[in-house]
Amino acid sequence: MEHLLHIEIKRLYYQDKELLRDINLNVESGERILIVGATGLGKSSLLHTLNLMNQSYEGKILFEGQDLLSYHPHVLRSRICMVMQEPYLGHGSVQEVLDEPLSYSALKRKDYEHRESRISELLENFKLSREYLTKNAEQLSGGEKQRIALIRTLMLDPQILLLDEITSALDQKTSGIISNCIFENYPGTVIAISHDPWWQERWNRIWSLENGSLLDNKGVK
């Protein structure tokens, strides 16, 4: 089987500081991967690199056999999507927030025809009513913003979902809603950073960051 993503990095830098080295890992479609390790060692920088937010590395990263750097950022980010701990939603209504990704995704034009039913489905999955569509995104709570950010991302049907501590500031109930939606309703590949114990038991691969290297502990449940 051809790997969805091949990561081979000799050194990963951020602001001229070396963070990681000796990375050589393959990712298959549909895998759930958790990255663990102490704070400040480069876990988030690796996710930013996979999303082309950080291009300071030596080596190669192939997505479906093609060099990551050869993709236009908008094209890549409609297929490898990232949700961060504190997502930025903009200044408009929630409806405008959810429509925004489709405006630059030429690959997803079919979603224009079905976006209303898809939005309704995702709102229901994340335990939000359609009344939220008319609310100002800036006035939502932290948990509501995180759920809207995930809905906006899932509207693109990405092949890989990158999650950077998305439940660290949320209460257990909201964290449970979010994790259940992702694990039960998203069929693609997930690569996540999380210290949330709610998430710890649900991964089929764990990457451990130790001494600048990323180790693959295959088979860990």
N, C-alpha and C. Protein backbone atom coordinates (compact mmCIF):
# COMPACT_ATOMS: atom_id res chain seq x y z
N MET A 1 0.84 -1.20 0.00
CA MET A 1 0.00 0.00 0.00
C MET A 1 0.88 1.26 0.00
N GLU A 2 0.56 2.21 -0.87
CA GLU A 2 1.32 3.45 -0.91
C GLU A 2 0.99 4.30 0.31
N HIS A 3 2.03 4.89 0.89
CA HIS A 3 1.84 5.70 2.08
C HIS A 3 1.14 7.01 1.73
N LEU A 4 0.20 7.41 2.56
CA LEU A 4 -0.46 8.70 2.39
C LEU A 4 0.54 9.83 2.61
N LEU A 5 1.40 9.65 3.63
CA LEU A 5 2.36 10.69 3.99
C LEU A 5 3.67 10.03 4.41
N HIS A 6 4.77 10.50 3.83
CA HIS A 6 6.09 10.03 4.23
C HIS A 6 6.87 11.23 4.77
N ILE A 7 7.33 11.11 5.99
CA ILE A 7 8.05 12.20 6.66
C ILE A 7 9.49 11.77 6.88
N GLU A 8 10.40 12.45 6.23
CA GLU A 8 11.83 12.18 6.42
C GLU A 8 12.53 13.52 6.62
N ILE A 9 12.84 13.84 7.85
CA ILE A 9 13.44 15.13 8.19
C ILE A 9 14.75 14.88 8.93
N LYS A 10 15.82 15.50 8.45
CA LYS A 10 17.11 15.39 9.15
C LYS A 10 17.15 16.36 10.33
N ARG A 11 16.67 17.56 10.09
CA ARG A 11 16.60 18.55 11.16
C ARG A 11 15.39 19.45 10.91
N LEU A 12 14.71 19.80 11.99
CA LEU A 12 13.58 20.70 11.91
C LEU A 12 13.92 21.94 12.74
N TYR A 13 13.82 23.10 12.09
CA TYR A 13 14.17 24.36 12.75
C TYR A 13 12.94 25.23 12.90
N TYR A 14 12.97 26.06 13.93
CA TYR A 14 11.98 27.11 14.10
C TYR A 14 12.69 28.31 14.68
N GLN A 15 12.66 29.44 13.92
CA GLN A 15 13.36 30.67 14.32
C GLN A 15 14.83 30.37 14.65
N ASP A 16 15.49 29.62 13.74
CA ASP A 16 16.92 29.28 13.83
C ASP A 16 17.26 28.36 14.99
N LYS A 17 16.28 27.82 15.65
CA LYS A 17 16.53 26.87 16.73
C LYS A 17 16.21 25.46 16.24
N GLU A 18 17.16 24.54 16.41
CA GLU A 18 16.91 23.16 16.03
C GLU A 18 15.98 22.51 17.05
N LEU A 19 14.88 21.93 16.55
CA LEU A 19 13.89 21.32 17.44
C LEU A 19 13.89 19.80 17.35
N LEU A 20 13.93 19.26 16.14
CA LEU A 20 13.83 17.82 15.94
C LEU A 20 14.88 17.34 14.95
N ARG A 21 15.22 16.06 15.05
CA ARG A 21 16.10 15.43 14.08
C ARG A 21 15.70 13.95 13.98
N ASP A 22 16.24 13.29 12.98
CA ASP A 22 16.05 11.85 12.82
C ASP A 22 14.57 11.44 12.78
N ILE A 23 13.82 12.08 11.89
CA ILE A 23 12.42 11.69 11.70
C ILE A 23 12.31 10.91 10.39
N ASN A 24 11.78 9.71 10.46
CA ASN A 24 11.56 8.92 9.25
C ASN A 24 10.35 8.02 9.52
N LEU A 25 9.17 8.51 9.16
CA LEU A 25 7.92 7.85 9.50
C LEU A 25 6.97 7.83 8.31
N ASN A 26 6.14 6.80 8.26
CA ASN A 26 5.12 6.69 7.23
C ASN A 26 3.73 6.69 7.87
N VAL A 27 2.79 7.30 7.18
CA VAL A 27 1.42 7.40 7.67
C VAL A 27 0.48 6.80 6.63
N GLU A 28 -0.42 5.94 7.08
CA GLU A 28 -1.40 5.32 6.20
C GLU A 28 -2.75 6.02 6.35
N SER A 29 -3.60 5.87 5.36
CA SER A 29 -4.93 6.47 5.40
C SER A 29 -5.75 5.89 6.55
N GLY A 30 -6.43 6.78 7.28
CA GLY A 30 -7.32 6.36 8.34
C GLY A 30 -6.67 6.12 9.69
N GLU A 31 -5.36 6.29 9.80
CA GLU A 31 -4.70 6.07 11.08
C GLU A 31 -5.00 7.19 12.06
N ARG A 32 -5.00 6.84 13.34
CA ARG A 32 -5.15 7.79 14.43
C ARG A 32 -3.83 7.82 15.20
N ILE A 33 -3.12 8.94 15.12
CA ILE A 33 -1.77 9.03 15.67
C ILE A 33 -1.71 10.13 16.72
N LEU A 34 -1.20 9.79 17.88
CA LEU A 34 -1.03 10.75 18.97
C LEU A 34 0.46 11.02 19.16
N ILE A 35 0.84 12.30 19.26
CA ILE A 35 2.23 12.69 19.52
C ILE A 35 2.34 13.08 20.99
N VAL A 36 3.27 12.44 21.71
CA VAL A 36 3.45 12.73 23.13
C VAL A 36 4.88 13.17 23.38
N GLY A 37 5.07 13.92 24.46
CA GLY A 37 6.40 14.41 24.83
C GLY A 37 6.27 15.69 25.61
N ALA A 38 7.36 16.11 26.22
CA ALA A 38 7.34 17.30 27.05
C ALA A 38 7.02 18.55 26.23
N THR A 39 6.52 19.58 26.91
CA THR A 39 6.19 20.84 26.26
C THR A 39 7.45 21.54 25.76
N GLY A 40 7.35 22.16 24.58
CA GLY A 40 8.42 22.99 24.06
C GLY A 40 9.49 22.27 23.28
N LEU A 41 9.27 21.00 22.92
CA LEU A 41 10.30 20.22 22.23
C LEU A 41 10.09 20.12 20.73
N GLY A 42 8.99 20.68 20.21
CA GLY A 42 8.82 20.71 18.76
C GLY A 42 7.61 19.98 18.22
N LYS A 43 6.70 19.51 19.07
CA LYS A 43 5.53 18.79 18.58
C LYS A 43 4.66 19.70 17.71
N SER A 44 4.36 20.89 18.20
CA SER A 44 3.53 21.82 17.43
C SER A 44 4.24 22.26 16.15
N SER A 45 5.54 22.46 16.23
CA SER A 45 6.29 22.87 15.04
C SER A 45 6.22 21.80 13.95
N LEU A 46 6.19 20.53 14.34
CA LEU A 46 6.06 19.47 13.35
C LEU A 46 4.70 19.56 12.65
N LEU A 47 3.63 19.78 13.41
CA LEU A 47 2.31 19.93 12.78
C LEU A 47 2.28 21.14 11.86
N HIS A 48 2.89 22.25 12.30
CA HIS A 48 2.95 23.45 11.45
C HIS A 48 3.71 23.16 10.16
N THR A 49 4.73 22.34 10.24
CA THR A 49 5.50 21.96 9.05
C THR A 49 4.65 21.15 8.08
N LEU A 50 3.86 20.22 8.60
CA LEU A 50 3.02 19.40 7.74
C LEU A 50 1.92 20.22 7.07
N ASN A 51 1.63 21.40 7.62
CA ASN A 51 0.61 22.30 7.07
C ASN A 51 1.24 23.46 6.30
N LEU A 52 2.55 23.40 6.08
CA LEU A 52 3.33 24.44 5.38
C LEU A 52 3.32 25.78 6.10
N MET A 53 3.04 25.78 7.39
CA MET A 53 3.17 27.01 8.17
C MET A 53 4.63 27.21 8.62
N ASN A 54 5.41 26.15 8.56
CA ASN A 54 6.84 26.20 8.87
C ASN A 54 7.57 25.41 7.79
N GLN A 55 8.48 26.05 7.08
CA GLN A 55 9.20 25.39 5.99
C GLN A 55 10.69 25.28 6.29
N SER A 56 11.07 25.41 7.55
CA SER A 56 12.49 25.38 7.92
C SER A 56 12.89 23.97 8.35
N TYR A 57 13.17 23.14 7.37
CA TYR A 57 13.61 21.79 7.68
C TYR A 57 14.53 21.28 6.57
N GLU A 58 15.34 20.29 6.94
CA GLU A 58 16.19 19.60 5.98
C GLU A 58 15.62 18.20 5.78
N GLY A 59 15.54 17.77 4.54
CA GLY A 59 14.99 16.46 4.26
C GLY A 59 13.82 16.57 3.31
N LYS A 60 12.89 15.64 3.42
CA LYS A 60 11.75 15.65 2.50
C LYS A 60 10.49 15.18 3.22
N ILE A 61 9.39 15.73 2.77
CA ILE A 61 8.08 15.28 3.21
C ILE A 61 7.26 15.06 1.95
N LEU A 62 6.77 13.85 1.78
CA LEU A 62 5.98 13.52 0.60
C LEU A 62 4.53 13.28 1.02
N PHE A 63 3.62 13.93 0.32
CA PHE A 63 2.19 13.70 0.51
C PHE A 63 1.66 13.07 -0.75
N GLU A 64 1.21 11.81 -0.65
CA GLU A 64 0.79 11.03 -1.81
C GLU A 64 1.85 11.02 -2.89
N GLY A 65 3.11 10.88 -2.47
CA GLY A 65 4.22 10.75 -3.40
C GLY A 65 4.76 12.04 -3.97
N GLN A 66 4.21 13.18 -3.59
CA GLN A 66 4.61 14.48 -4.13
C GLN A 66 5.19 15.34 -3.01
N ASP A 67 6.29 16.03 -3.33
CA ASP A 67 6.95 16.88 -2.34
C ASP A 67 5.96 17.90 -1.79
N LEU A 68 5.93 18.01 -0.47
CA LEU A 68 5.00 18.92 0.19
C LEU A 68 5.16 20.35 -0.30
N LEU A 69 6.42 20.76 -0.53
CA LEU A 69 6.70 22.15 -0.91
C LEU A 69 6.25 22.47 -2.33
N SER A 70 5.90 21.45 -3.10
CA SER A 70 5.45 21.69 -4.48
C SER A 70 3.97 22.05 -4.54
N TYR A 71 3.26 21.88 -3.44
CA TYR A 71 1.82 22.19 -3.41
C TYR A 71 1.62 23.69 -3.17
N HIS A 72 0.59 24.23 -3.81
CA HIS A 72 0.15 25.58 -3.43
C HIS A 72 -0.45 25.48 -2.03
N PRO A 73 -0.12 26.41 -1.12
CA PRO A 73 -0.62 26.31 0.26
C PRO A 73 -2.12 26.14 0.37
N HIS A 74 -2.92 26.84 -0.46
CA HIS A 74 -4.37 26.70 -0.36
C HIS A 74 -4.81 25.29 -0.74
N VAL A 75 -4.18 24.72 -1.76
CA VAL A 75 -4.53 23.36 -2.17
C VAL A 75 -4.17 22.38 -1.08
N LEU A 76 -2.96 22.51 -0.56
CA LEU A 76 -2.52 21.59 0.49
C LEU A 76 -3.40 21.70 1.73
N ARG A 77 -3.74 22.93 2.11
CA ARG A 77 -4.48 23.12 3.36
C ARG A 77 -5.95 22.76 3.24
N SER A 78 -6.42 22.45 2.04
CA SER A 78 -7.75 21.89 1.90
C SER A 78 -7.72 20.37 2.03
N ARG A 79 -6.49 19.80 2.05
CA ARG A 79 -6.34 18.34 2.14
C ARG A 79 -5.64 17.91 3.42
N ILE A 80 -4.73 18.75 3.92
CA ILE A 80 -4.12 18.55 5.23
C ILE A 80 -4.51 19.76 6.06
N CYS A 81 -5.53 19.61 6.89
CA CYS A 81 -6.09 20.74 7.63
C CYS A 81 -5.67 20.70 9.09
N MET A 82 -5.47 21.88 9.66
CA MET A 82 -5.00 21.98 11.04
C MET A 82 -5.98 22.81 11.86
N VAL A 83 -6.25 22.33 13.07
CA VAL A 83 -7.06 23.08 14.04
C VAL A 83 -6.19 23.27 15.28
N MET A 84 -6.11 24.51 15.74
CA MET A 84 -5.22 24.83 16.85
C MET A 84 -6.00 25.05 18.14
N GLN A 85 -5.26 25.20 19.22
CA GLN A 85 -5.84 25.34 20.54
C GLN A 85 -6.74 26.57 20.64
N GLU A 86 -6.33 27.67 20.03
CA GLU A 86 -7.11 28.90 20.04
C GLU A 86 -7.38 29.31 18.59
N PRO A 87 -8.41 28.74 17.96
CA PRO A 87 -8.67 29.02 16.55
C PRO A 87 -9.13 30.44 16.32
N TYR A 88 -8.76 30.99 15.18
CA TYR A 88 -9.22 32.32 14.78
C TYR A 88 -10.38 32.15 13.80
N LEU A 89 -11.52 32.73 14.12
CA LEU A 89 -12.71 32.56 13.28
C LEU A 89 -13.04 33.79 12.45
N GLY A 90 -12.43 34.93 12.74
CA GLY A 90 -12.76 36.14 12.01
C GLY A 90 -13.83 36.96 12.73
N HIS A 91 -14.37 37.95 12.02
CA HIS A 91 -15.26 38.93 12.65
C HIS A 91 -16.72 38.77 12.24
N GLY A 92 -17.03 37.88 11.33
CA GLY A 92 -18.39 37.79 10.82
C GLY A 92 -19.26 36.83 11.59
N SER A 93 -20.36 36.44 10.96
CA SER A 93 -21.28 35.48 11.56
C SER A 93 -20.71 34.08 11.42
N VAL A 94 -21.26 33.15 12.18
CA VAL A 94 -20.84 31.76 12.08
C VAL A 94 -21.10 31.23 10.68
N GLN A 95 -22.21 31.64 10.05
CA GLN A 95 -22.48 31.22 8.67
C GLN A 95 -21.35 31.65 7.74
N GLU A 96 -20.89 32.88 7.89
CA GLU A 96 -19.79 33.37 7.06
C GLU A 96 -18.51 32.61 7.34
N VAL A 97 -18.28 32.27 8.60
CA VAL A 97 -17.10 31.49 8.96
C VAL A 97 -17.11 30.14 8.26
N LEU A 98 -18.28 29.49 8.23
CA LEU A 98 -18.37 28.16 7.64
C LEU A 98 -18.33 28.19 6.11
N ASP A 99 -18.73 29.31 5.52
CA ASP A 99 -18.69 29.44 4.06
C ASP A 99 -17.28 29.76 3.56
N GLU A 100 -16.45 30.37 4.40
CA GLU A 100 -15.16 30.91 3.95
C GLU A 100 -14.23 29.87 3.31
N PRO A 101 -14.03 28.66 3.88
CA PRO A 101 -13.09 27.74 3.25
C PRO A 101 -13.48 27.33 1.84
N LEU A 102 -14.79 27.24 1.58
CA LEU A 102 -15.24 26.81 0.26
C LEU A 102 -14.95 27.85 -0.81
N SER A 103 -14.74 29.09 -0.40
CA SER A 103 -14.52 30.15 -1.38
C SER A 103 -13.18 30.02 -2.10
N TYR A 104 -12.19 29.35 -1.48
CA TYR A 104 -10.91 29.19 -2.15
C TYR A 104 -10.59 27.75 -2.49
N SER A 105 -11.51 26.83 -2.25
CA SER A 105 -11.23 25.43 -2.52
C SER A 105 -11.87 25.00 -3.83
N ALA A 106 -11.12 25.12 -4.91
CA ALA A 106 -11.64 24.73 -6.22
C ALA A 106 -11.89 23.23 -6.27
N LEU A 107 -11.23 22.46 -5.40
CA LEU A 107 -11.38 21.02 -5.39
C LEU A 107 -12.71 20.57 -4.80
N LYS A 108 -13.41 21.48 -4.12
CA LYS A 108 -14.59 21.10 -3.38
C LYS A 108 -15.84 21.83 -3.86
N ARG A 109 -15.93 22.13 -5.13
CA ARG A 109 -17.07 22.91 -5.62
C ARG A 109 -18.40 22.19 -5.40
N LYS A 110 -18.38 20.88 -5.38
CA LYS A 110 -19.63 20.14 -5.14
C LYS A 110 -20.24 20.47 -3.79
N ASP A 111 -19.41 20.93 -2.86
CA ASP A 111 -19.93 21.24 -1.53
C ASP A 111 -20.87 22.43 -1.53
N TYR A 112 -20.77 23.29 -2.55
CA TYR A 112 -21.68 24.43 -2.61
C TYR A 112 -23.12 23.95 -2.71
N GLU A 113 -23.35 22.88 -3.43
CA GLU A 113 -24.70 22.38 -3.63
C GLU A 113 -25.25 21.73 -2.36
N HIS A 114 -24.40 21.14 -1.58
CA HIS A 114 -24.85 20.35 -0.44
C HIS A 114 -24.42 20.94 0.90
N ARG A 115 -23.92 22.15 0.89
CA ARG A 115 -23.31 22.67 2.11
C ARG A 115 -24.33 22.86 3.24
N GLU A 116 -25.56 23.22 2.91
CA GLU A 116 -26.55 23.45 3.96
C GLU A 116 -26.85 22.17 4.72
N SER A 117 -27.05 21.08 3.99
CA SER A 117 -27.32 19.81 4.68
C SER A 117 -26.09 19.34 5.44
N ARG A 118 -24.91 19.59 4.88
CA ARG A 118 -23.67 19.19 5.56
C ARG A 118 -23.46 20.02 6.84
N ILE A 119 -23.73 21.31 6.76
CA ILE A 119 -23.61 22.16 7.94
C ILE A 119 -24.59 21.69 9.02
N SER A 120 -25.82 21.40 8.64
CA SER A 120 -26.81 20.94 9.60
C SER A 120 -26.37 19.63 10.26
N GLU A 121 -25.82 18.74 9.46
CA GLU A 121 -25.35 17.45 10.00
C GLU A 121 -24.23 17.64 11.01
N LEU A 122 -23.26 18.50 10.67
CA LEU A 122 -22.12 18.71 11.56
C LEU A 122 -22.53 19.47 12.83
N LEU A 123 -23.41 20.45 12.69
CA LEU A 123 -23.90 21.16 13.87
C LEU A 123 -24.58 20.19 14.83
N GLU A 124 -25.39 19.29 14.29
CA GLU A 124 -26.06 18.31 15.14
C GLU A 124 -25.05 17.39 15.81
N ASN A 125 -24.04 16.94 15.06
CA ASN A 125 -23.03 16.05 15.63
C ASN A 125 -22.28 16.71 16.78
N PHE A 126 -22.02 18.02 16.63
CA PHE A 126 -21.27 18.74 17.65
C PHE A 126 -22.18 19.40 18.70
N LYS A 127 -23.46 18.99 18.70
CA LYS A 127 -24.42 19.44 19.72
C LYS A 127 -24.63 20.95 19.69
N LEU A 128 -24.76 21.50 18.49
CA LEU A 128 -25.04 22.92 18.32
C LEU A 128 -26.28 23.07 17.43
N SER A 129 -27.14 24.04 17.72
CA SER A 129 -28.33 24.27 16.92
C SER A 129 -28.01 25.18 15.73
N ARG A 130 -28.93 25.22 14.76
CA ARG A 130 -28.74 26.09 13.60
C ARG A 130 -28.83 27.56 13.98
N GLU A 131 -29.35 27.86 15.16
CA GLU A 131 -29.39 29.25 15.62
C GLU A 131 -27.99 29.86 15.71
N TYR A 132 -26.99 29.01 15.86
CA TYR A 132 -25.62 29.51 15.95
C TYR A 132 -25.16 30.17 14.66
N LEU A 133 -25.77 29.86 13.54
CA LEU A 133 -25.33 30.40 12.25
C LEU A 133 -25.44 31.92 12.20
N THR A 134 -26.37 32.48 12.94
CA THR A 134 -26.55 33.93 12.91
C THR A 134 -25.76 34.65 14.00
N LYS A 135 -25.08 33.91 14.86
CA LYS A 135 -24.33 34.53 15.95
C LYS A 135 -23.01 35.09 15.46
N ASN A 136 -22.52 36.11 16.15
CA ASN A 136 -21.20 36.67 15.86
C ASN A 136 -20.14 35.71 16.38
N ALA A 137 -19.22 35.31 15.51
CA ALA A 137 -18.21 34.32 15.89
C ALA A 137 -17.34 34.79 17.04
N GLU A 138 -17.10 36.09 17.12
CA GLU A 138 -16.24 36.63 18.18
C GLU A 138 -16.87 36.51 19.56
N GLN A 139 -18.20 36.37 19.61
CA GLN A 139 -18.90 36.36 20.89
C GLN A 139 -19.16 34.94 21.41
N LEU A 140 -18.65 33.94 20.72
CA LEU A 140 -18.83 32.56 21.17
C LEU A 140 -17.90 32.24 22.33
N SER A 141 -18.27 31.24 23.11
CA SER A 141 -17.38 30.76 24.17
C SER A 141 -16.23 29.98 23.56
N GLY A 142 -15.23 29.65 24.38
CA GLY A 142 -14.08 28.90 23.88
C GLY A 142 -14.46 27.55 23.30
N GLY A 143 -15.35 26.84 23.99
CA GLY A 143 -15.78 25.55 23.49
C GLY A 143 -16.60 25.64 22.21
N GLU A 144 -17.42 26.69 22.11
CA GLU A 144 -18.20 26.89 20.89
C GLU A 144 -17.30 27.25 19.72
N LYS A 145 -16.31 28.10 19.97
CA LYS A 145 -15.37 28.45 18.90
C LYS A 145 -14.62 27.22 18.39
N GLN A 146 -14.23 26.35 19.32
CA GLN A 146 -13.48 25.17 18.91
C GLN A 146 -14.33 24.25 18.06
N ARG A 147 -15.60 24.11 18.43
CA ARG A 147 -16.49 23.25 17.64
C ARG A 147 -16.77 23.85 16.26
N ILE A 148 -16.95 25.16 16.19
CA ILE A 148 -17.17 25.80 14.89
C ILE A 148 -15.92 25.68 14.02
N ALA A 149 -14.74 25.82 14.63
CA ALA A 149 -13.49 25.67 13.88
C ALA A 149 -13.38 24.26 13.30
N LEU A 150 -13.77 23.26 14.06
CA LEU A 150 -13.73 21.89 13.56
C LEU A 150 -14.76 21.66 12.46
N ILE A 151 -15.95 22.23 12.61
CA ILE A 151 -16.96 22.11 11.56
C ILE A 151 -16.46 22.76 10.28
N ARG A 152 -15.87 23.96 10.40
CA ARG A 152 -15.32 24.65 9.23
C ARG A 152 -14.28 23.78 8.53
N THR A 153 -13.44 23.11 9.31
CA THR A 153 -12.41 22.25 8.74
C THR A 153 -13.00 21.01 8.10
N LEU A 154 -13.94 20.37 8.76
CA LEU A 154 -14.53 19.14 8.24
C LEU A 154 -15.38 19.38 7.00
N MET A 155 -15.83 20.63 6.79
CA MET A 155 -16.55 20.95 5.56
C MET A 155 -15.71 20.68 4.32
N LEU A 156 -14.39 20.68 4.47
CA LEU A 156 -13.49 20.44 3.35
C LEU A 156 -13.19 18.96 3.13
N ASP A 157 -13.68 18.09 4.03
CA ASP A 157 -13.39 16.66 3.95
C ASP A 157 -11.89 16.40 3.76
N PRO A 158 -11.06 16.88 4.68
CA PRO A 158 -9.61 16.73 4.50
C PRO A 158 -9.19 15.27 4.60
N GLN A 159 -8.07 14.95 3.96
CA GLN A 159 -7.52 13.60 4.06
C GLN A 159 -6.76 13.42 5.37
N ILE A 160 -6.17 14.50 5.87
CA ILE A 160 -5.43 14.45 7.14
C ILE A 160 -5.90 15.61 8.01
N LEU A 161 -6.20 15.31 9.26
CA LEU A 161 -6.62 16.32 10.22
C LEU A 161 -5.55 16.43 11.30
N LEU A 162 -4.95 17.63 11.42
CA LEU A 162 -3.93 17.91 12.42
C LEU A 162 -4.57 18.66 13.57
N LEU A 163 -4.41 18.16 14.79
CA LEU A 163 -5.05 18.75 15.97
C LEU A 163 -3.99 19.09 17.00
N ASP A 164 -3.91 20.37 17.36
CA ASP A 164 -2.88 20.83 18.30
C ASP A 164 -3.54 21.25 19.62
N GLU A 165 -3.60 20.30 20.56
CA GLU A 165 -4.13 20.58 21.90
C GLU A 165 -5.51 21.24 21.87
N ILE A 166 -6.41 20.71 21.06
CA ILE A 166 -7.67 21.41 20.82
C ILE A 166 -8.63 21.33 22.01
N THR A 167 -8.41 20.41 22.94
CA THR A 167 -9.33 20.31 24.08
C THR A 167 -8.68 20.72 25.40
N SER A 168 -7.46 21.26 25.36
CA SER A 168 -6.72 21.51 26.60
C SER A 168 -7.39 22.56 27.49
N ALA A 169 -8.15 23.49 26.89
CA ALA A 169 -8.78 24.55 27.69
C ALA A 169 -10.28 24.33 27.87
N LEU A 170 -10.76 23.13 27.55
CA LEU A 170 -12.20 22.88 27.58
C LEU A 170 -12.58 21.99 28.75
N ASP A 171 -13.85 22.09 29.15
CA ASP A 171 -14.34 21.21 30.21
C ASP A 171 -14.50 19.79 29.67
N GLN A 172 -14.66 18.84 30.58
CA GLN A 172 -14.69 17.43 30.19
C GLN A 172 -15.87 17.11 29.27
N LYS A 173 -17.04 17.72 29.52
CA LYS A 173 -18.19 17.45 28.68
C LYS A 173 -17.95 17.89 27.24
N THR A 174 -17.45 19.11 27.05
CA THR A 174 -17.17 19.60 25.70
C THR A 174 -16.06 18.80 25.04
N SER A 175 -15.04 18.46 25.81
CA SER A 175 -13.96 17.63 25.28
C SER A 175 -14.48 16.29 24.80
N GLY A 176 -15.42 15.71 25.56
CA GLY A 176 -16.01 14.44 25.16
C GLY A 176 -16.81 14.54 23.88
N ILE A 177 -17.58 15.63 23.75
CA ILE A 177 -18.36 15.84 22.52
C ILE A 177 -17.44 15.92 21.32
N ILE A 178 -16.38 16.69 21.45
CA ILE A 178 -15.45 16.89 20.33
C ILE A 178 -14.73 15.60 19.97
N SER A 179 -14.22 14.90 20.97
CA SER A 179 -13.48 13.66 20.67
C SER A 179 -14.39 12.61 20.06
N ASN A 180 -15.61 12.48 20.56
CA ASN A 180 -16.54 11.51 19.99
C ASN A 180 -16.86 11.83 18.53
N CYS A 181 -17.07 13.11 18.22
CA CYS A 181 -17.38 13.50 16.85
C CYS A 181 -16.24 13.16 15.91
N ILE A 182 -15.02 13.42 16.35
CA ILE A 182 -13.86 13.16 15.50
C ILE A 182 -13.65 11.66 15.29
N PHE A 183 -13.68 10.89 16.37
CA PHE A 183 -13.39 9.46 16.27
C PHE A 183 -14.51 8.68 15.62
N GLU A 184 -15.74 9.13 15.76
CA GLU A 184 -16.87 8.36 15.24
C GLU A 184 -17.37 8.84 13.88
N ASN A 185 -17.07 10.10 13.50
CA ASN A 185 -17.65 10.65 12.27
C ASN A 185 -16.63 11.09 11.24
N TYR A 186 -15.34 11.09 11.59
CA TYR A 186 -14.33 11.50 10.62
C TYR A 186 -13.52 10.29 10.19
N PRO A 187 -13.59 9.89 8.91
CA PRO A 187 -12.93 8.66 8.47
C PRO A 187 -11.46 8.82 8.09
N GLY A 188 -10.98 10.06 8.01
CA GLY A 188 -9.62 10.29 7.53
C GLY A 188 -8.57 10.06 8.60
N THR A 189 -7.35 10.46 8.28
CA THR A 189 -6.20 10.31 9.16
C THR A 189 -6.16 11.46 10.16
N VAL A 190 -5.86 11.15 11.41
CA VAL A 190 -5.74 12.16 12.46
C VAL A 190 -4.34 12.08 13.06
N ILE A 191 -3.67 13.23 13.12
CA ILE A 191 -2.39 13.34 13.84
C ILE A 191 -2.59 14.44 14.87
N ALA A 192 -2.45 14.09 16.15
CA ALA A 192 -2.84 15.03 17.20
C ALA A 192 -1.81 15.12 18.31
N ILE A 193 -1.79 16.30 18.93
CA ILE A 193 -1.07 16.52 20.18
C ILE A 193 -2.14 16.73 21.25
N SER A 194 -2.06 15.97 22.33
CA SER A 194 -3.03 16.15 23.40
C SER A 194 -2.50 15.54 24.68
N HIS A 195 -2.75 16.25 25.80
CA HIS A 195 -2.48 15.72 27.13
C HIS A 195 -3.78 15.39 27.84
N ASP A 196 -4.88 15.45 27.12
CA ASP A 196 -6.20 15.20 27.69
C ASP A 196 -6.37 13.70 27.92
N PRO A 197 -6.57 13.25 29.18
CA PRO A 197 -6.72 11.81 29.44
C PRO A 197 -7.91 11.19 28.72
N TRP A 198 -8.91 12.03 28.38
CA TRP A 198 -10.08 11.54 27.63
C TRP A 198 -9.65 10.94 26.29
N TRP A 199 -8.57 11.50 25.73
CA TRP A 199 -8.11 11.08 24.41
C TRP A 199 -7.10 9.94 24.44
N GLN A 200 -6.44 9.74 25.56
CA GLN A 200 -5.24 8.92 25.59
C GLN A 200 -5.46 7.47 25.19
N GLU A 201 -6.67 6.95 25.35
CA GLU A 201 -6.90 5.53 25.12
C GLU A 201 -7.44 5.22 23.72
N ARG A 202 -7.51 6.20 22.85
CA ARG A 202 -8.25 6.01 21.60
C ARG A 202 -7.36 5.99 20.35
N TRP A 203 -6.06 5.84 20.52
CA TRP A 203 -5.14 5.95 19.39
C TRP A 203 -4.53 4.61 19.04
N ASN A 204 -4.32 4.38 17.74
CA ASN A 204 -3.71 3.11 17.35
C ASN A 204 -2.21 3.23 17.07
N ARG A 205 -1.69 4.48 17.09
CA ARG A 205 -0.24 4.68 17.02
C ARG A 205 0.13 5.87 17.90
N ILE A 206 1.27 5.77 18.54
CA ILE A 206 1.76 6.86 19.37
C ILE A 206 3.20 7.17 18.96
N TRP A 207 3.45 8.45 18.66
CA TRP A 207 4.81 8.92 18.38
C TRP A 207 5.33 9.61 19.63
N SER A 208 6.49 9.16 20.12
CA SER A 208 7.08 9.74 21.33
C SER A 208 8.26 10.61 20.94
N LEU A 209 8.25 11.84 21.43
CA LEU A 209 9.34 12.77 21.18
C LEU A 209 10.35 12.65 22.32
N GLU A 210 11.56 12.20 21.98
CA GLU A 210 12.59 11.98 22.99
C GLU A 210 13.95 12.40 22.44
N ASN A 211 14.63 13.29 23.14
CA ASN A 211 15.99 13.71 22.78
C ASN A 211 16.11 14.16 21.33
N GLY A 212 15.10 14.88 20.86
CA GLY A 212 15.14 15.42 19.50
C GLY A 212 14.71 14.48 18.42
N SER A 213 14.41 13.22 18.77
CA SER A 213 13.95 12.23 17.79
C SER A 213 12.50 11.88 18.03
N LEU A 214 11.80 11.50 16.98
CA LEU A 214 10.40 11.10 17.08
C LEU A 214 10.33 9.61 16.87
N LEU A 215 9.96 8.87 17.90
CA LEU A 215 9.93 7.41 17.85
C LEU A 215 8.51 6.92 17.65
N ASP A 216 8.37 5.89 16.84
CA ASP A 216 7.06 5.33 16.51
C ASP A 216 6.83 4.09 17.36
N ASN A 217 5.91 4.20 18.31
CA ASN A 217 5.55 3.05 19.16
C ASN A 217 4.35 2.35 18.55
N LYS A 218 4.59 1.54 17.55
CA LYS A 218 3.49 0.89 16.82
C LYS A 218 2.77 -0.10 17.73
N GLY A 219 1.48 -0.17 17.50
CA GLY A 219 0.69 -1.15 18.21
C GLY A 219 0.21 -0.71 19.57
N VAL A 220 0.59 0.50 20.00
CA VAL A 220 0.14 0.98 21.31
C VAL A 220 -1.32 1.38 21.21
N LYS A 221 -2.13 0.90 22.12
CA LYS A 221 -3.56 1.21 22.09
C LYS A 221 -3.89 2.20 23.21
